[in-house]
Protein backbone atom coordinates (compact mmCIF):
# COMPACT_ATOMS: atom_id res chain seq x y z
CA MET A 1 0.09 0.24 0.08
CA ALA A 2 1.49 3.21 -0.83
CA ALA A 3 1.14 6.16 1.39
CA SER A 4 2.77 9.84 1.49
CA SER A 5 4.18 11.23 4.58
CA THR A 6 5.71 15.14 4.77
CA ALA A 7 8.44 16.05 7.20
CA ALA A 8 7.24 17.87 10.56
CA SER A 9 9.02 20.77 11.47
CA SER A 10 9.31 20.77 15.40
CA SER A 11 11.76 23.16 15.43
CA PRO A 12 11.02 27.52 14.97
CA THR A 13 13.26 28.21 12.38
CA ALA A 14 15.42 26.64 9.83
CA GLU A 15 19.04 26.45 10.19
CA ASN A 16 21.54 25.12 8.34
CA ARG A 17 22.85 21.88 9.15
CA CYS A 18 24.66 19.41 7.13
CA ASP A 19 23.06 16.13 6.36
CA VAL A 20 25.86 13.63 5.11
CA ILE A 21 26.17 11.02 7.46
CA PRO A 22 29.62 11.75 8.67
CA ASN A 23 31.70 8.31 8.88
CA CYS A 24 30.25 7.25 4.91
CA HIS A 25 32.50 6.86 3.30
CA HIS A 26 36.19 7.79 3.26
CA VAL A 27 39.24 6.78 2.07
CA LEU A 28 42.28 5.67 4.14
CA ASN A 29 45.84 5.42 3.04
CA MET A 30 46.70 1.46 3.29
CA LYS A 31 50.26 2.07 2.93
CA LEU A 32 50.59 4.27 6.32
CA THR A 33 52.90 2.42 8.98
CA ILE A 34 50.93 1.93 12.41
CA HIS A 35 52.55 4.76 13.78
CA GLY A 36 51.41 6.78 10.57
CA LEU A 37 47.77 5.66 11.06
CA LEU A 38 47.97 6.79 14.67
CA ASP A 39 49.14 10.19 13.76
CA PHE A 40 46.39 10.44 11.03
CA LEU A 41 43.61 9.64 13.29
CA GLU A 42 45.12 12.11 15.86
CA VAL A 43 44.52 15.02 13.32
CA SER A 44 42.24 14.31 10.75
CA GLU A 45 38.86 16.18 10.28
CA ASN A 46 37.22 12.90 8.48
CA VAL A 47 37.19 11.30 11.70
CA THR A 48 34.69 12.63 13.83
CA SER A 49 34.61 9.83 16.87
CA LEU A 50 36.19 6.93 18.79
CA PHE A 51 34.46 4.61 16.21
CA MET A 52 35.41 6.23 12.95
CA ALA A 53 39.06 5.41 14.75
CA LEU A 54 38.48 2.10 15.59
CA GLU A 55 37.14 1.48 12.52
CA ALA A 56 39.94 2.60 10.68
CA LEU A 57 42.34 0.61 12.80
CA TRP A 58 39.91 -2.56 12.26
CA THR A 59 39.68 -2.02 8.55
CA TRP A 60 43.80 -1.09 8.31
CA ASP A 61 44.74 -4.64 10.18
CA MET A 62 41.75 -7.01 7.99
CA CYS A 63 44.02 -5.85 5.00
CA ARG A 64 47.40 -6.28 6.48
CA GLY A 65 46.99 -8.91 8.93
CA LEU A 66 48.69 -7.70 11.88
CA ASP A 67 46.52 -7.87 14.76
CA ILE A 68 47.52 -4.51 15.73
CA MET A 69 44.52 -4.17 17.56
CA TYR A 70 45.57 -6.09 20.59
CA SER A 71 48.68 -4.15 20.89
CA PRO A 72 49.12 -2.17 24.09
CA LEU A 73 51.19 0.48 22.04
CA ILE A 74 47.43 1.13 20.43
CA ASN A 75 45.92 1.50 23.78
CA SER A 76 48.42 4.08 24.86
CA ARG A 77 48.27 6.09 21.72
CA LEU A 78 44.28 5.82 21.76
CA LYS A 79 43.97 7.17 25.46
CA GLY A 80 46.18 10.25 24.68
CA ILE A 81 44.05 10.73 21.16
CA ILE A 82 40.54 10.44 23.03
CA LYS A 83 41.67 12.89 25.88
CA LYS A 84 42.95 15.48 22.92
CA ARG A 85 40.44 15.02 20.70
CA SER A 86 37.17 14.80 23.21
CA TRP A 87 35.79 11.82 21.79
CA SER A 88 33.01 10.01 23.90
CA LEU A 89 33.81 6.64 24.84
CA VAL A 90 32.14 3.44 23.75
CA PRO A 91 29.35 2.04 26.13
CA SER A 92 30.83 -1.72 27.12
CA ASN A 93 27.34 -2.91 26.76
CA MET A 94 27.12 -1.44 23.43
CA LEU A 95 29.84 -4.51 22.02
CA GLU A 96 28.43 -7.55 21.97
CA ARG A 97 27.27 -6.96 18.51
CA PHE A 98 30.25 -6.15 16.72
CA SER A 99 30.95 -8.54 14.20
CA PHE A 100 34.94 -8.96 15.08
CA THR A 101 36.47 -10.33 18.05
CA SER A 102 38.85 -7.51 17.83
CA ILE A 103 35.93 -5.05 18.18
CA ARG A 104 34.10 -6.88 20.96
CA ASN A 105 37.02 -7.34 22.94
CA LEU A 106 37.96 -3.96 23.73
CA SER A 107 37.18 -3.81 26.99
CA SER A 108 40.23 -6.39 27.66
CA VAL A 109 42.61 -5.44 24.77
CA LEU A 110 41.69 -1.77 24.95
CA PRO A 111 40.21 -0.38 27.87
CA SER A 112 40.86 3.17 27.75
CA CYS A 113 38.21 3.24 24.63
CA VAL A 114 35.20 1.78 26.95
CA LYS A 115 33.03 3.70 29.11
CA ASN A 116 32.10 0.82 32.07
CA THR A 117 29.12 1.48 32.70
CA ASP A 118 25.69 0.11 32.12
CA GLY A 119 24.27 3.63 31.07
CA CYS A 120 23.82 4.51 27.59
CA ASP A 121 24.15 7.78 26.01
CA CYS A 122 23.58 6.28 22.04
CA ILE A 123 21.09 3.78 21.13
CA PHE A 124 20.81 1.48 17.93
CA ILE A 125 18.15 1.76 15.01
CA ASN A 126 17.54 -0.62 12.57
CA GLY A 127 16.26 0.12 9.20
CA GLU A 128 14.45 -2.14 6.70
CA ARG A 129 15.67 -5.49 5.81
CA MET A 130 17.07 -4.96 2.17
CA THR A 131 16.08 -8.68 0.98
CA GLY A 132 17.58 -10.13 -1.60
CA ILE A 133 19.70 -7.11 -2.32
CA LYS A 134 23.75 -7.30 -1.79
CA PHE A 135 25.28 -4.77 0.34
CA PRO A 136 27.99 -3.45 -2.56
CA ILE A 137 24.86 -3.17 -5.13
CA ILE A 138 22.65 -1.10 -2.29
CA MET A 139 25.67 1.22 -1.92
CA ASN A 140 26.45 1.80 -6.05
CA ARG A 141 22.94 3.43 -6.76
CA SER A 142 20.19 5.79 -5.36
CA THR A 143 18.57 3.81 -2.60
CA GLU A 144 16.46 5.18 0.60
CA LEU A 145 16.84 3.54 3.67
CA ARG A 146 13.61 3.73 6.39
CA PHE A 147 13.87 3.80 10.36
CA CYS A 148 11.13 4.18 12.36
CA PHE A 149 13.05 6.43 15.65
CA GLU A 150 10.99 8.26 18.29
CA HIS A 151 13.37 10.97 19.42
CA PRO A 152 13.44 11.43 22.84
CA SER A 153 12.81 15.12 22.83
CA ILE A 154 9.19 14.64 20.75
CA LYS A 155 7.15 14.05 23.40
CA SER A 156 3.36 13.98 21.48
CA CYS A 157 3.21 13.29 17.39
CA ASN A 158 -0.13 12.97 16.04
CA LEU A 159 1.00 13.17 12.34
CA PRO A 160 0.74 10.49 9.90
CA GLY A 161 2.75 7.43 9.65
CA LYS A 162 5.70 6.54 11.88
CA CYS A 163 8.05 9.27 13.48
CA GLY A 164 11.64 8.10 11.93
CA PHE A 165 13.74 9.20 9.47
CA ILE A 166 15.26 8.56 5.70
CA LEU A 167 18.53 7.97 4.73
CA GLN A 168 19.45 8.03 0.91
CA VAL A 169 22.37 6.76 -0.78
CA VAL A 170 23.89 9.22 -3.11
CA PRO A 171 26.18 6.73 -5.48
CA GLY A 172 29.33 7.75 -6.08
CA GLY A 173 30.41 6.64 -9.71
CA SER A 174 33.39 4.21 -9.00
CA THR A 175 33.37 4.25 -5.14
CA PHE A 176 30.80 4.01 -2.59
CA GLY A 177 28.36 6.54 -2.45
CA LYS A 178 27.82 9.26 0.23
CA ILE A 179 24.49 8.98 2.84
CA ARG A 180 22.77 11.88 3.51
CA LEU A 181 19.63 12.22 6.15
CA CYS A 182 16.30 13.22 4.04
CA THR A 183 15.06 16.87 5.97
CA LYS A 184 12.75 18.22 3.81
CA GLY A 185 9.47 17.66 3.22
CA GLU A 186 9.46 16.70 -0.52
CA ASP A 187 11.90 13.59 0.58
CA TYR A 188 8.87 12.52 2.46
CA ARG A 189 5.95 12.35 -0.04
CA ASN A 190 5.25 9.51 -2.33
CA GLN A 191 7.21 6.66 -0.56
CA ARG A 192 7.33 3.98 -2.20
CA ALA A 193 5.23 0.68 -1.02
CA ALA A 194 6.21 -0.79 2.26
CA GLU A 195 4.90 -1.83 5.51
CA PHE A 196 4.81 1.50 6.93
CA VAL A 197 5.87 5.32 6.10
CA VAL A 198 7.53 7.61 8.17
CA HIS A 199 7.73 11.61 8.87
CA PHE A 200 10.47 13.56 9.92
CA HIS A 201 11.19 15.54 13.03
CA ASP A 202 14.06 18.77 12.83
CA GLU A 203 15.30 17.14 16.37
CA ILE A 204 16.71 14.48 13.93
CA ARG A 205 20.59 15.50 13.40
CA ALA A 206 23.12 13.59 10.98
CA GLU A 207 26.06 14.69 13.12
CA LYS A 208 24.78 12.55 15.63
CA MET A 209 24.59 9.34 13.54
CA HIS A 210 26.99 6.49 12.51
CA VAL A 211 25.57 4.00 10.13
CA PHE A 212 26.76 0.14 10.04
CA PHE A 213 25.29 -2.58 8.37
CA CYS A 214 24.19 -5.86 9.75
CA THR A 215 24.57 -9.10 7.98
CA GLY A 216 21.88 -11.60 8.72
CA ILE A 217 24.47 -14.08 9.69
CA GLY A 218 25.43 -14.83 13.82
CA LEU A 219 29.02 -16.39 14.21
CA LEU A 220 26.89 -19.02 16.77
CA LYS A 221 24.01 -20.50 16.97
CA ASN A 222 20.87 -18.34 17.70
CA GLN A 223 23.08 -15.17 17.99
CA SER A 224 21.39 -11.79 16.80
CA ASP A 225 22.86 -10.07 13.24
CA MET A 226 26.34 -8.66 13.64
CA ILE A 227 26.96 -5.03 12.86
CA ILE A 228 29.63 -4.73 10.23
CA PRO A 229 31.41 -1.27 10.27
CA ILE A 230 31.18 0.60 6.77
CA SER A 231 33.33 3.94 7.49
CA TRP A 232 36.40 3.32 5.36
CA LEU A 233 35.22 1.24 2.55
CA ASN A 234 36.36 3.62 -0.05
CA SER A 235 39.88 2.56 0.73
CA SER A 236 42.26 0.39 -1.61
CA TYR A 237 44.73 -2.31 -0.87
CA ASN A 238 47.35 -3.95 -2.47
CA MET A 239 46.53 -7.85 -3.79
CA GLY A 240 49.24 -9.07 -5.99
CA GLN A 241 50.12 -6.47 -8.36
CA ASN A 242 46.83 -4.69 -8.31
CA ARG A 243 45.15 -1.79 -6.27
CA VAL A 244 41.82 -3.41 -4.95
CA PRO A 245 39.08 -1.23 -3.46
CA VAL A 246 38.24 -2.37 0.03
CA GLY A 247 34.45 -2.78 -0.31
CA ASN A 248 34.27 -4.36 -3.77
CA SER A 249 36.79 -7.26 -2.97
CA GLN A 250 35.94 -11.11 -2.49
CA LEU A 251 38.41 -10.41 0.95
CA PHE A 252 35.77 -8.33 1.98
CA THR A 253 32.29 -9.91 0.87
CA ARG A 254 33.54 -12.97 2.05
CA LYS A 255 35.16 -12.19 5.38
CA LEU A 256 32.46 -10.14 6.36
CA GLY A 257 29.65 -12.62 5.12
CA LEU A 258 28.21 -9.86 2.76
CA GLN A 259 27.63 -11.99 -0.25
CA GLY A 260 23.85 -12.16 1.05
CA SER A 261 21.10 -9.25 2.24
CA GLY A 262 20.95 -7.52 5.44
CA TYR A 263 19.93 -4.11 6.62
CA PHE A 264 21.74 -0.38 8.17
CA THR A 265 21.39 0.04 11.53
CA VAL A 266 22.05 4.00 12.97
CA MET A 267 24.21 4.10 16.01
CA TYR A 268 22.70 7.51 17.23
CA GLU A 269 23.57 9.61 20.18
CA ILE A 270 21.11 10.92 22.49
């Protein structure tokens, strides 16, 4: 059933805002040494959070196979970088859904990165499952990703449809495109047929979002879907005589289980 919904302006005035999701998708220089990589993470304007820094380390390590995530050097350097850049730490109860041991075990291998608390200042918001569509295909064509989300500051809403937002994949040609938050009324009209339609509130901000991809494949029986880091998928690395884009490589799609379908999830800072 097709339906339409418009963006809701909960704020009294419109303001200039950046609607590009900050962590999608960037290029990492795979030729950097580990010291060069840490120097880059310390100063780069493209690295806007501790999660992006951890994803950079993970992506670099995945392509080089050095297990640097477990090095005491990393923990020591990150501690200084976190303080310098005033990054929020990773809540300990958010780690179990990540797909790789090097991230899930941060509490023990990189204790300076983890906030040991049951409290949570960010939440996961799952989007629609993209049945039968593989991740590289999604990221190379214009795609709408819908999410239901009731922002804590919205105490009452009588608008049609569900509170939420739409993320739009903007194709990037030979590379993975950007992802932007749709904020205009026309973005929410004539939504494609689906189980639900959403409307938008201005309180929702792109800079509060960090986007991941989720596979439908748990590592263990009865395990929930696993979160895949995607911030640095436009990077390239050497495979034999060729330079191979990380996001389109067999190493990436096979190792992360991205041959199948899945869905996007947003970690939203409250």
